[in-house]
């Protein structure tokens, strides 16, 4: 059992960590929510649960979510970033924040953000 624990710990330490910048778009009025996650799969899972159960993804979207329904929104991963071994968690998060800022510049339309 002890060797199995060590094996599992080692697998966990060596797992591939992928973060991402993602966008949720309101397809009816063009508004969007831009953010990053240091665990890309968690952001996608959160979106899937929101859409499945009809709850707004973020509180700022509540009014539009009720008016247009979840089908009026789309979730898209704009960019993925794999955490290198030599990066700390803090550095990885900072990299994702910078990528998010760059995407915001690309998208413009800050008045249409949630």
PDB file of N, CA and C in Angstrom:
ATOM      1  N   UNK A   1       0.826  -1.203   0.000  1.00  0.00           N
ATOM      2  CA  UNK A   1       0.000   0.000   0.000  1.00  0.00           C
ATOM      3  C   UNK A   1       0.863   1.257   0.000  1.00  0.00           C
ATOM      4  N   UNK A   2       1.927   1.244   0.747  1.00  0.00           N
ATOM      5  CA  UNK A   2       2.794   2.402   0.849  1.00  0.00           C
ATOM      6  C   UNK A   2       3.423   2.748  -0.503  1.00  0.00           C
ATOM      7  N   UNK A   3       3.837   1.740  -1.260  1.00  0.00           N
ATOM      8  CA  UNK A   3       4.427   2.008  -2.579  1.00  0.00           C
ATOM      9  C   UNK A   3       3.373   2.549  -3.545  1.00  0.00           C
ATOM     10  N   UNK A   4       2.143   2.106  -3.388  1.00  0.00           N
ATOM     11  CA  UNK A   4       1.052   2.612  -4.239  1.00  0.00           C
ATOM     12  C   UNK A   4       0.795   4.091  -3.964  1.00  0.00           C
ATOM     13  N   UNK A   5       0.848   4.468  -2.680  1.00  0.00           N
ATOM     14  CA  UNK A   5       0.685   5.878  -2.324  1.00  0.00           C
ATOM     15  C   UNK A   5       1.785   6.722  -2.952  1.00  0.00           C
ATOM     16  N   UNK A   6       3.001   6.233  -2.870  1.00  0.00           N
ATOM     17  CA  UNK A   6       4.134   6.956  -3.463  1.00  0.00           C
ATOM     18  C   UNK A   6       3.948   7.093  -4.969  1.00  0.00           C
ATOM     19  N   UNK A   7       3.488   6.027  -5.583  1.00  0.00           N
ATOM     20  CA  UNK A   7       3.254   6.027  -7.027  1.00  0.00           C
ATOM     21  C   UNK A   7       2.187   7.061  -7.412  1.00  0.00           C
ATOM     22  N   UNK A   8       1.107   7.085  -6.648  1.00  0.00           N
ATOM     23  CA  UNK A   8       0.031   8.044  -6.913  1.00  0.00           C
ATOM     24  C   UNK A   8       0.501   9.480  -6.703  1.00  0.00           C
ATOM     25  N   UNK A   9       1.270   9.698  -5.646  1.00  0.00           N
ATOM     26  CA  UNK A   9       1.818  11.044  -5.405  1.00  0.00           C
ATOM     27  C   UNK A   9       2.695  11.487  -6.575  1.00  0.00           C
ATOM     28  N   UNK A  10       3.513  10.576  -7.033  1.00  0.00           N
ATOM     29  CA  UNK A  10       4.420  10.896  -8.144  1.00  0.00           C
ATOM     30  C   UNK A  10       3.627  11.198  -9.420  1.00  0.00           C
ATOM     31  N   UNK A  11       2.597  10.418  -9.679  1.00  0.00           N
ATOM     32  CA  UNK A  11       1.739  10.683 -10.838  1.00  0.00           C
ATOM     33  C   UNK A  11       1.094  12.055 -10.731  1.00  0.00           C
ATOM     34  N   UNK A  12       0.617  12.384  -9.548  1.00  0.00           N
ATOM     35  CA  UNK A  12      -0.023  13.686  -9.334  1.00  0.00           C
ATOM     36  C   UNK A  12       0.976  14.820  -9.566  1.00  0.00           C
ATOM     37  N   UNK A  13       2.172  14.673  -9.028  1.00  0.00           N
ATOM     38  CA  UNK A  13       3.190  15.720  -9.202  1.00  0.00           C
ATOM     39  C   UNK A  13       3.594  15.882 -10.666  1.00  0.00           C
ATOM     40  N   UNK A  14       3.545  14.801 -11.418  1.00  0.00           N
ATOM     41  CA  UNK A  14       3.988  14.832 -12.814  1.00  0.00           C
ATOM     42  C   UNK A  14       2.860  15.027 -13.821  1.00  0.00           C
ATOM     43  N   UNK A  15       1.650  15.261 -13.327  1.00  0.00           N
ATOM     44  CA  UNK A  15       0.527  15.444 -14.247  1.00  0.00           C
ATOM     45  C   UNK A  15       0.722  16.720 -15.070  1.00  0.00           C
ATOM     46  N   UNK A  16       0.105  16.735 -16.185  1.00  0.00           N
ATOM     47  CA  UNK A  16       0.171  17.890 -17.079  1.00  0.00           C
ATOM     48  C   UNK A  16      -0.919  18.877 -16.663  1.00  0.00           C
ATOM     49  N   UNK A  17      -0.506  20.065 -16.257  1.00  0.00           N
ATOM     50  CA  UNK A  17      -1.441  21.100 -15.844  1.00  0.00           C
ATOM     51  C   UNK A  17      -1.652  22.046 -17.018  1.00  0.00           C
ATOM     52  N   UNK A  18      -2.900  22.202 -17.429  1.00  0.00           N
ATOM     53  CA  UNK A  18      -3.229  23.073 -18.554  1.00  0.00           C
ATOM     54  C   UNK A  18      -4.221  24.126 -18.096  1.00  0.00           C
ATOM     55  N   UNK A  19      -3.822  25.370 -18.251  1.00  0.00           N
ATOM     56  CA  UNK A  19      -4.715  26.484 -17.981  1.00  0.00           C
ATOM     57  C   UNK A  19      -5.224  27.033 -19.301  1.00  0.00           C
ATOM     58  N   UNK A  20      -6.131  27.991 -19.223  1.00  0.00           N
ATOM     59  CA  UNK A  20      -6.654  28.543 -20.466  1.00  0.00           C
ATOM     60  C   UNK A  20      -7.270  29.921 -20.242  1.00  0.00           C
ATOM     61  N   UNK A  21      -7.400  30.621 -21.341  1.00  0.00           N
ATOM     62  CA  UNK A  21      -8.205  31.831 -21.411  1.00  0.00           C
ATOM     63  C   UNK A  21      -9.461  31.424 -22.155  1.00  0.00           C
ATOM     64  N   UNK A  22     -10.614  31.788 -21.596  1.00  0.00           N
ATOM     65  CA  UNK A  22     -11.873  31.391 -22.221  1.00  0.00           C
ATOM     66  C   UNK A  22     -12.831  32.578 -22.293  1.00  0.00           C
ATOM     67  N   UNK A  23     -13.821  32.412 -23.157  1.00  0.00           N
ATOM     68  CA  UNK A  23     -14.828  33.449 -23.332  1.00  0.00           C
ATOM     69  C   UNK A  23     -16.211  32.802 -23.355  1.00  0.00           C
ATOM     70  N   UNK A  24     -17.147  33.471 -22.706  1.00  0.00           N
ATOM     71  CA  UNK A  24     -18.552  33.092 -22.792  1.00  0.00           C
ATOM     72  C   UNK A  24     -19.231  34.240 -23.521  1.00  0.00           C
ATOM     73  N   UNK A  25     -19.833  33.936 -24.651  1.00  0.00           N
ATOM     74  CA  UNK A  25     -20.466  34.969 -25.474  1.00  0.00           C
ATOM     75  C   UNK A  25     -21.986  34.864 -25.406  1.00  0.00           C
ATOM     76  N   UNK A  26     -22.606  36.019 -25.329  1.00  0.00           N
ATOM     77  CA  UNK A  26     -24.048  36.100 -25.506  1.00  0.00           C
ATOM     78  C   UNK A  26     -24.253  36.310 -27.006  1.00  0.00           C
ATOM     79  N   UNK A  27     -24.790  35.314 -27.669  1.00  0.00           N
ATOM     80  CA  UNK A  27     -24.933  35.355 -29.119  1.00  0.00           C
ATOM     81  C   UNK A  27     -26.054  36.294 -29.579  1.00  0.00           C
ATOM     82  N   UNK A  28     -26.895  36.733 -28.657  1.00  0.00           N
ATOM     83  CA  UNK A  28     -28.010  37.623 -29.002  1.00  0.00           C
ATOM     84  C   UNK A  28     -27.604  39.100 -28.993  1.00  0.00           C
ATOM     85  N   UNK A  29     -26.809  39.502 -27.989  1.00  0.00           N
ATOM     86  CA  UNK A  29     -26.499  40.931 -27.879  1.00  0.00           C
ATOM     87  C   UNK A  29     -25.009  41.260 -27.950  1.00  0.00           C
ATOM     88  N   UNK A  30     -24.165  40.256 -28.122  1.00  0.00           N
ATOM     89  CA  UNK A  30     -22.745  40.498 -28.309  1.00  0.00           C
ATOM     90  C   UNK A  30     -21.939  40.700 -27.030  1.00  0.00           C
ATOM     91  N   UNK A  31     -22.591  40.679 -25.887  1.00  0.00           N
ATOM     92  CA  UNK A  31     -21.842  40.820 -24.638  1.00  0.00           C
ATOM     93  C   UNK A  31     -21.022  39.560 -24.393  1.00  0.00           C
ATOM     94  N   UNK A  32     -19.946  39.715 -23.622  1.00  0.00           N
ATOM     95  CA  UNK A  32     -19.099  38.562 -23.363  1.00  0.00           C
ATOM     96  C   UNK A  32     -18.471  38.640 -21.978  1.00  0.00           C
ATOM     97  N   UNK A  33     -18.084  37.469 -21.500  1.00  0.00           N
ATOM     98  CA  UNK A  33     -17.370  37.316 -20.239  1.00  0.00           C
ATOM     99  C   UNK A  33     -16.041  36.662 -20.573  1.00  0.00           C
ATOM    100  N   UNK A  34     -14.946  37.333 -20.276  1.00  0.00           N
ATOM    101  CA  UNK A  34     -13.607  36.835 -20.576  1.00  0.00           C
ATOM    102  C   UNK A  34     -12.900  36.562 -19.260  1.00  0.00           C
ATOM    103  N   UNK A  35     -12.264  35.399 -19.167  1.00  0.00           N
ATOM    104  CA  UNK A  35     -11.558  35.061 -17.932  1.00  0.00           C
ATOM    105  C   UNK A  35     -10.520  33.988 -18.232  1.00  0.00           C
ATOM    106  N   UNK A  36      -9.803  33.608 -17.198  1.00  0.00           N
ATOM    107  CA  UNK A  36      -8.826  32.528 -17.317  1.00  0.00           C
ATOM    108  C   UNK A  36      -9.069  31.532 -16.192  1.00  0.00           C
ATOM    109  N   UNK A  37      -8.522  30.359 -16.379  1.00  0.00           N
ATOM    110  CA  UNK A  37      -8.568  29.340 -15.340  1.00  0.00           C
ATOM    111  C   UNK A  37      -7.234  28.607 -15.358  1.00  0.00           C
ATOM    112  N   UNK A  38      -6.698  28.336 -14.189  1.00  0.00           N
ATOM    113  CA  UNK A  38      -5.452  27.574 -14.138  1.00  0.00           C
ATOM    114  C   UNK A  38      -5.701  26.073 -14.311  1.00  0.00           C
ATOM    115  N   UNK A  39      -6.967  25.692 -14.343  1.00  0.00           N
ATOM    116  CA  UNK A  39      -7.353  24.316 -14.663  1.00  0.00           C
ATOM    117  C   UNK A  39      -8.460  24.410 -15.712  1.00  0.00           C
ATOM    118  N   UNK A  40      -8.067  24.268 -16.939  1.00  0.00           N
ATOM    119  CA  UNK A  40      -8.991  24.485 -18.050  1.00  0.00           C
ATOM    120  C   UNK A  40     -10.222  23.579 -17.965  1.00  0.00           C
ATOM    121  N   UNK A  41     -10.024  22.341 -17.608  1.00  0.00           N
ATOM    122  CA  UNK A  41     -11.144  21.402 -17.538  1.00  0.00           C
ATOM    123  C   UNK A  41     -12.176  21.855 -16.503  1.00  0.00           C
ATOM    124  N   UNK A  42     -11.726  22.492 -15.430  1.00  0.00           N
ATOM    125  CA  UNK A  42     -12.658  22.955 -14.397  1.00  0.00           C
ATOM    126  C   UNK A  42     -13.560  24.066 -14.936  1.00  0.00           C
ATOM    127  N   UNK A  43     -13.011  24.967 -15.727  1.00  0.00           N
ATOM    128  CA  UNK A  43     -13.823  26.038 -16.313  1.00  0.00           C
ATOM    129  C   UNK A  43     -14.866  25.452 -17.255  1.00  0.00           C
ATOM    130  N   UNK A  44     -14.464  24.506 -18.074  1.00  0.00           N
ATOM    131  CA  UNK A  44     -15.399  23.869 -19.013  1.00  0.00           C
ATOM    132  C   UNK A  44     -16.474  23.092 -18.265  1.00  0.00           C
ATOM    133  N   UNK A  45     -16.091  22.381 -17.217  1.00  0.00           N
ATOM    134  CA  UNK A  45     -17.074  21.633 -16.423  1.00  0.00           C
ATOM    135  C   UNK A  45     -18.074  22.567 -15.762  1.00  0.00           C
ATOM    136  N   UNK A  46     -17.599  23.691 -15.270  1.00  0.00           N
ATOM    137  CA  UNK A  46     -18.489  24.671 -14.649  1.00  0.00           C
ATOM    138  C   UNK A  46     -19.500  25.190 -15.665  1.00  0.00           C
ATOM    139  N   UNK A  47     -19.021  25.472 -16.864  1.00  0.00           N
ATOM    140  CA  UNK A  47     -19.916  25.920 -17.939  1.00  0.00           C
ATOM    141  C   UNK A  47     -20.955  24.847 -18.265  1.00  0.00           C
ATOM    142  N   UNK A  48     -20.505  23.619 -18.426  1.00  0.00           N
ATOM    143  CA  UNK A  48     -21.415  22.527 -18.774  1.00  0.00           C
ATOM    144  C   UNK A  48     -22.508  22.348 -17.722  1.00  0.00           C
ATOM    145  N   UNK A  49     -22.133  22.448 -16.453  1.00  0.00           N
ATOM    146  CA  UNK A  49     -23.127  22.326 -15.383  1.00  0.00           C
ATOM    147  C   UNK A  49     -24.124  23.477 -15.417  1.00  0.00           C
ATOM    148  N   UNK A  50     -23.634  24.681 -15.655  1.00  0.00           N
ATOM    149  CA  UNK A  50     -24.529  25.841 -15.730  1.00  0.00           C
ATOM    150  C   UNK A  50     -25.548  25.663 -16.842  1.00  0.00           C
ATOM    151  N   UNK A  51     -25.070  25.274 -18.010  1.00  0.00           N
ATOM    152  CA  UNK A  51     -25.964  25.100 -19.152  1.00  0.00           C
ATOM    153  C   UNK A  51     -26.947  23.955 -18.910  1.00  0.00           C
ATOM    154  N   UNK A  52     -26.468  22.891 -18.308  1.00  0.00           N
ATOM    155  CA  UNK A  52     -27.311  21.722 -18.082  1.00  0.00           C
ATOM    156  C   UNK A  52     -28.445  22.011 -17.094  1.00  0.00           C
ATOM    157  N   UNK A  53     -28.125  22.747 -16.035  1.00  0.00           N
ATOM    158  CA  UNK A  53     -29.120  22.996 -15.005  1.00  0.00           C
ATOM    159  C   UNK A  53     -29.828  24.340 -15.149  1.00  0.00           C
ATOM    160  N   UNK A  54     -29.462  25.110 -16.181  1.00  0.00           N
ATOM    161  CA  UNK A  54     -30.148  26.366 -16.453  1.00  0.00           C
ATOM    162  C   UNK A  54     -29.805  27.504 -15.513  1.00  0.00           C
ATOM    163  N   UNK A  55     -28.705  27.363 -14.791  1.00  0.00           N
ATOM    164  CA  UNK A  55     -28.259  28.437 -13.907  1.00  0.00           C
ATOM    165  C   UNK A  55     -27.271  29.328 -14.650  1.00  0.00           C
ATOM    166  N   UNK A  56     -27.325  30.636 -14.399  1.00  0.00           N
ATOM    167  CA  UNK A  56     -26.365  31.515 -15.073  1.00  0.00           C
ATOM    168  C   UNK A  56     -24.935  31.153 -14.704  1.00  0.00           C
ATOM    169  N   UNK A  57     -24.053  31.223 -15.670  1.00  0.00           N
ATOM    170  CA  UNK A  57     -22.648  30.888 -15.475  1.00  0.00           C
ATOM    171  C   UNK A  57     -22.005  31.830 -14.469  1.00  0.00           C
ATOM    172  N   UNK A  58     -22.330  33.105 -14.565  1.00  0.00           N
ATOM    173  CA  UNK A  58     -21.837  34.126 -13.640  1.00  0.00           C
ATOM    174  C   UNK A  58     -23.009  35.020 -13.262  1.00  0.00           C
ATOM    175  N   UNK A  59     -23.044  35.527 -12.032  1.00  0.00           N
ATOM    176  CA  UNK A  59     -24.165  36.375 -11.601  1.00  0.00           C
ATOM    177  C   UNK A  59     -24.420  37.580 -12.515  1.00  0.00           C
ATOM    178  N   UNK A  60     -23.385  38.132 -13.100  1.00  0.00           N
ATOM    179  CA  UNK A  60     -23.559  39.294 -13.980  1.00  0.00           C
ATOM    180  C   UNK A  60     -24.392  38.958 -15.217  1.00  0.00           C
ATOM    181  N   UNK A  61     -24.486  37.697 -15.561  1.00  0.00           N
ATOM    182  CA  UNK A  61     -25.235  37.257 -16.740  1.00  0.00           C
ATOM    183  C   UNK A  61     -26.691  36.926 -16.439  1.00  0.00           C
ATOM    184  N   UNK A  62     -27.070  36.986 -15.186  1.00  0.00           N
ATOM    185  CA  UNK A  62     -28.378  36.487 -14.747  1.00  0.00           C
ATOM    186  C   UNK A  62     -29.538  37.045 -15.572  1.00  0.00           C
ATOM    187  N   UNK A  63     -29.582  38.340 -15.754  1.00  0.00           N
ATOM    188  CA  UNK A  63     -30.713  38.945 -16.467  1.00  0.00           C
ATOM    189  C   UNK A  63     -30.786  38.465 -17.918  1.00  0.00           C
ATOM    190  N   UNK A  64     -29.653  38.492 -18.615  1.00  0.00           N
ATOM    191  CA  UNK A  64     -29.632  38.024 -20.000  1.00  0.00           C
ATOM    192  C   UNK A  64     -29.895  36.521 -20.087  1.00  0.00           C
ATOM    193  N   UNK A  65     -29.416  35.772 -19.119  1.00  0.00           N
ATOM    194  CA  UNK A  65     -29.613  34.315 -19.084  1.00  0.00           C
ATOM    195  C   UNK A  65     -31.103  34.006 -18.990  1.00  0.00           C
ATOM    196  N   UNK A  66     -31.795  34.753 -18.125  1.00  0.00           N
ATOM    197  CA  UNK A  66     -33.242  34.541 -17.973  1.00  0.00           C
ATOM    198  C   UNK A  66     -34.000  34.971 -19.223  1.00  0.00           C
ATOM    199  N   UNK A  67     -33.579  36.081 -19.807  1.00  0.00           N
ATOM    200  CA  UNK A  67     -34.280  36.597 -20.984  1.00  0.00           C
ATOM    201  C   UNK A  67     -34.076  35.721 -22.215  1.00  0.00           C
ATOM    202  N   UNK A  68     -32.844  35.282 -22.442  1.00  0.00           N
ATOM    203  CA  UNK A  68     -32.521  34.567 -23.684  1.00  0.00           C
ATOM    204  C   UNK A  68     -32.344  33.063 -23.508  1.00  0.00           C
ATOM    205  N   UNK A  69     -32.105  32.610 -22.280  1.00  0.00           N
ATOM    206  CA  UNK A  69     -31.877  31.197 -22.033  1.00  0.00           C
ATOM    207  C   UNK A  69     -30.446  30.781 -22.298  1.00  0.00           C
ATOM    208  N   UNK A  70     -30.056  29.617 -21.790  1.00  0.00           N
ATOM    209  CA  UNK A  70     -28.669  29.166 -21.920  1.00  0.00           C
ATOM    210  C   UNK A  70     -28.235  28.919 -23.362  1.00  0.00           C
ATOM    211  N   UNK A  71     -29.173  28.628 -24.246  1.00  0.00           N
ATOM    212  CA  UNK A  71     -28.804  28.383 -25.647  1.00  0.00           C
ATOM    213  C   UNK A  71     -28.307  29.635 -26.350  1.00  0.00           C
ATOM    214  N   UNK A  72     -28.530  30.797 -25.755  1.00  0.00           N
ATOM    215  CA  UNK A  72     -28.068  32.057 -26.352  1.00  0.00           C
ATOM    216  C   UNK A  72     -26.605  32.325 -26.028  1.00  0.00           C
ATOM    217  N   UNK A  73     -25.967  31.435 -25.262  1.00  0.00           N
ATOM    218  CA  UNK A  73     -24.586  31.628 -24.843  1.00  0.00           C
ATOM    219  C   UNK A  73     -23.701  30.518 -25.385  1.00  0.00           C
ATOM    220  N   UNK A  74     -22.458  30.885 -25.645  1.00  0.00           N
ATOM    221  CA  UNK A  74     -21.483  29.879 -26.082  1.00  0.00           C
ATOM    222  C   UNK A  74     -20.226  29.995 -25.229  1.00  0.00           C
ATOM    223  N   UNK A  75     -19.545  28.886 -25.060  1.00  0.00           N
ATOM    224  CA  UNK A  75     -18.301  28.810 -24.315  1.00  0.00           C
ATOM    225  C   UNK A  75     -17.205  28.436 -25.286  1.00  0.00           C
ATOM    226  N   UNK A  76     -16.106  29.178 -25.253  1.00  0.00           N
ATOM    227  CA  UNK A  76     -15.006  28.893 -26.173  1.00  0.00           C
ATOM    228  C   UNK A  76     -13.677  29.084 -25.461  1.00  0.00           C
ATOM    229  N   UNK A  77     -12.795  28.136 -25.626  1.00  0.00           N
ATOM    230  CA  UNK A  77     -11.432  28.264 -25.121  1.00  0.00           C
ATOM    231  C   UNK A  77     -10.630  29.003 -26.181  1.00  0.00           C
ATOM    232  N   UNK A  78     -10.118  30.162 -25.819  1.00  0.00           N
ATOM    233  CA  UNK A  78      -9.383  30.988 -26.770  1.00  0.00           C
ATOM    234  C   UNK A  78      -7.919  30.583 -26.869  1.00  0.00           C
ATOM    235  N   UNK A  79      -7.360  30.193 -25.736  1.00  0.00           N
ATOM    236  CA  UNK A  79      -5.945  29.821 -25.741  1.00  0.00           C
ATOM    237  C   UNK A  79      -5.656  28.933 -24.537  1.00  0.00           C
ATOM    238  N   UNK A  80      -4.852  27.909 -24.776  1.00  0.00           N
ATOM    239  CA  UNK A  80      -4.427  27.034 -23.691  1.00  0.00           C
ATOM    240  C   UNK A  80      -2.953  27.276 -23.394  1.00  0.00           C
ATOM    241  N   UNK A  81      -2.594  27.047 -22.146  1.00  0.00           N
ATOM    242  CA  UNK A  81      -1.213  27.218 -21.712  1.00  0.00           C
ATOM    243  C   UNK A  81      -0.867  26.054 -20.798  1.00  0.00           C
ATOM    244  N   UNK A  82       0.186  25.330 -21.142  1.00  0.00           N
ATOM    245  CA  UNK A  82       0.652  24.212 -20.333  1.00  0.00           C
ATOM    246  C   UNK A  82       1.690  24.734 -19.348  1.00  0.00           C
ATOM    247  N   UNK A  83       1.525  24.353 -18.105  1.00  0.00           N
ATOM    248  CA  UNK A  83       2.463  24.791 -17.068  1.00  0.00           C
ATOM    249  C   UNK A  83       3.751  23.990 -17.184  1.00  0.00           C
ATOM    250  N   UNK A  84       4.852  24.707 -17.358  1.00  0.00           N
ATOM    251  CA  UNK A  84       6.159  24.071 -17.402  1.00  0.00           C
ATOM    252  C   UNK A  84       6.613  23.715 -15.995  1.00  0.00           C
ATOM    253  N   UNK A  85       7.471  22.725 -15.898  1.00  0.00           N
ATOM    254  CA  UNK A  85       7.978  22.282 -14.601  1.00  0.00           C
ATOM    255  C   UNK A  85       8.663  23.402 -13.830  1.00  0.00           C
ATOM    256  N   UNK A  86       9.326  24.290 -14.550  1.00  0.00           N
ATOM    257  CA  UNK A  86      10.115  25.333 -13.887  1.00  0.00           C
ATOM    258  C   UNK A  86       9.288  26.549 -13.465  1.00  0.00           C
ATOM    259  N   UNK A  87       7.994  26.552 -13.744  1.00  0.00           N
ATOM    260  CA  UNK A  87       7.127  27.678 -13.371  1.00  0.00           C
ATOM    261  C   UNK A  87       6.453  27.404 -12.033  1.00  0.00           C
ATOM    262  N   UNK A  88       6.424  28.410 -11.189  1.00  0.00           N
ATOM    263  CA  UNK A  88       5.674  28.272  -9.939  1.00  0.00           C
ATOM    264  C   UNK A  88       4.196  28.473 -10.247  1.00  0.00           C
ATOM    265  N   UNK A  89       3.346  28.127  -9.294  1.00  0.00           N
ATOM    266  CA  UNK A  89       1.906  28.346  -9.477  1.00  0.00           C
ATOM    267  C   UNK A  89       1.633  29.835  -9.692  1.00  0.00           C
ATOM    268  N   UNK A  90       2.310  30.654  -8.940  1.00  0.00           N
ATOM    269  CA  UNK A  90       2.114  32.107  -9.055  1.00  0.00           C
ATOM    270  C   UNK A  90       2.520  32.618 -10.441  1.00  0.00           C
ATOM    271  N   UNK A  91       3.659  32.161 -10.933  1.00  0.00           N
ATOM    272  CA  UNK A  91       4.115  32.570 -12.268  1.00  0.00           C
ATOM    273  C   UNK A  91       3.139  32.101 -13.347  1.00  0.00           C
ATOM    274  N   UNK A  92       2.634  30.893 -13.181  1.00  0.00           N
ATOM    275  CA  UNK A  92       1.674  30.352 -14.136  1.00  0.00           C
ATOM    276  C   UNK A  92       0.398  31.202 -14.157  1.00  0.00           C
ATOM    277  N   UNK A  93      -0.098  31.560 -12.990  1.00  0.00           N
ATOM    278  CA  UNK A  93      -1.283  32.418 -12.895  1.00  0.00           C
ATOM    279  C   UNK A  93      -1.019  33.785 -13.510  1.00  0.00           C
ATOM    280  N   UNK A  94       0.136  34.345 -13.248  1.00  0.00           N
ATOM    281  CA  UNK A  94       0.493  35.645 -13.841  1.00  0.00           C
ATOM    282  C   UNK A  94       0.536  35.558 -15.366  1.00  0.00           C
ATOM    283  N   UNK A  95       1.071  34.454 -15.890  1.00  0.00           N
ATOM    284  CA  UNK A  95       1.098  34.258 -17.348  1.00  0.00           C
ATOM    285  C   UNK A  95      -0.318  34.225 -17.913  1.00  0.00           C
ATOM    286  N   UNK A  96      -1.212  33.539 -17.219  1.00  0.00           N
ATOM    287  CA  UNK A  96      -2.604  33.472 -17.666  1.00  0.00           C
ATOM    288  C   UNK A  96      -3.284  34.838 -17.595  1.00  0.00           C
ATOM    289  N   UNK A  97      -2.975  35.614 -16.568  1.00  0.00           N
ATOM    290  CA  UNK A  97      -3.530  36.967 -16.462  1.00  0.00           C
ATOM    291  C   UNK A  97      -3.063  37.842 -17.622  1.00  0.00           C
ATOM    292  N   UNK A  98      -1.800  37.733 -17.975  1.00  0.00           N
ATOM    293  CA  UNK A  98      -1.263  38.510 -19.104  1.00  0.00           C
ATOM    294  C   UNK A  98      -1.931  38.097 -20.406  1.00  0.00           C
ATOM    295  N   UNK A  99      -2.087  36.786 -20.615  1.00  0.00           N
ATOM    296  CA  UNK A  99      -2.770  36.304 -21.817  1.00  0.00           C
ATOM    297  C   UNK A  99      -4.198  36.830 -21.887  1.00  0.00           C
ATOM    298  N   UNK A 100      -4.867  36.895 -20.744  1.00  0.00           N
ATOM    299  CA  UNK A 100      -6.242  37.404 -20.701  1.00  0.00           C
ATOM    300  C   UNK A 100      -6.274  38.871 -21.095  1.00  0.00           C
ATOM    301  N   UNK A 101      -5.327  39.642 -20.597  1.00  0.00           N
ATOM    302  CA  UNK A 101      -5.247  41.062 -20.961  1.00  0.00           C
ATOM    303  C   UNK A 101      -4.999  41.230 -22.460  1.00  0.00           C
ATOM    304  N   UNK A 102      -4.140  40.394 -23.022  1.00  0.00           N
ATOM    305  CA  UNK A 102      -3.872  40.458 -24.467  1.00  0.00           C
ATOM    306  C   UNK A 102      -5.126  40.134 -25.270  1.00  0.00           C
ATOM    307  N   UNK A 103      -5.882  39.137 -24.810  1.00  0.00           N
ATOM    308  CA  UNK A 103      -7.131  38.798 -25.501  1.00  0.00           C
ATOM    309  C   UNK A 103      -8.152  39.923 -25.395  1.00  0.00           C
ATOM    310  N   UNK A 104      -8.178  40.570 -24.257  1.00  0.00           N
ATOM    311  CA  UNK A 104      -9.107  41.684 -24.096  1.00  0.00           C
ATOM    312  C   UNK A 104      -8.770  42.804 -25.080  1.00  0.00           C
ATOM    313  N   UNK A 105      -7.489  43.060 -25.270  1.00  0.00           N
ATOM    314  CA  UNK A 105      -7.072  44.065 -26.257  1.00  0.00           C
ATOM    315  C   UNK A 105      -7.499  43.647 -27.664  1.00  0.00           C
ATOM    316  N   UNK A 106      -7.333  42.362 -27.983  1.00  0.00           N
ATOM    317  CA  UNK A 106      -7.728  41.855 -29.304  1.00  0.00           C
ATOM    318  C   UNK A 106      -9.230  42.002 -29.531  1.00  0.00           C
ATOM    319  N   UNK A 107      -9.994  41.701 -28.498  1.00  0.00           N
ATOM    320  CA  UNK A 107     -11.457  41.705 -28.629  1.00  0.00           C
ATOM    321  C   UNK A 107     -12.042  43.111 -28.624  1.00  0.00           C
ATOM    322  N   UNK A 108     -11.382  44.042 -27.933  1.00  0.00           N
ATOM    323  CA  UNK A 108     -11.942  45.377 -27.825  1.00  0.00           C
ATOM    324  C   UNK A 108     -13.317  45.327 -27.176  1.00  0.00           C
ATOM    325  N   UNK A 109     -14.189  46.211 -27.533  1.00  0.00           N
ATOM    326  CA  UNK A 109     -15.575  46.210 -27.071  1.00  0.00           C
ATOM    327  C   UNK A 109     -15.709  46.054 -25.564  1.00  0.00           C
ATOM    328  N   UNK A 110     -14.891  46.759 -24.788  1.00  0.00           N
ATOM    329  CA  UNK A 110     -14.940  46.590 -23.348  1.00  0.00           C
ATOM    330  C   UNK A 110     -16.310  46.990 -22.801  1.00  0.00           C
ATOM    331  N   UNK A 111     -17.052  47.830 -23.520  1.00  0.00           N
ATOM    332  CA  UNK A 111     -18.390  48.203 -23.076  1.00  0.00           C
ATOM    333  C   UNK A 111     -19.385  47.053 -23.165  1.00  0.00           C
ATOM    334  N   UNK A 112     -19.010  45.987 -23.874  1.00  0.00           N
ATOM    335  CA  UNK A 112     -19.893  44.834 -24.032  1.00  0.00           C
ATOM    336  C   UNK A 112     -19.538  43.694 -23.086  1.00  0.00           C
ATOM    337  N   UNK A 113     -18.637  43.946 -22.143  1.00  0.00           N
ATOM    338  CA  UNK A 113     -18.242  42.907 -21.198  1.00  0.00           C
ATOM    339  C   UNK A 113     -19.243  42.784 -20.067  1.00  0.00           C
ATOM    340  N   UNK A 114     -19.365  41.572 -19.573  1.00  0.00           N
ATOM    341  CA  UNK A 114     -20.130  41.336 -18.350  1.00  0.00           C
ATOM    342  C   UNK A 114     -19.248  41.685 -17.183  1.00  0.00           C
TER     343      UNK A 114
END
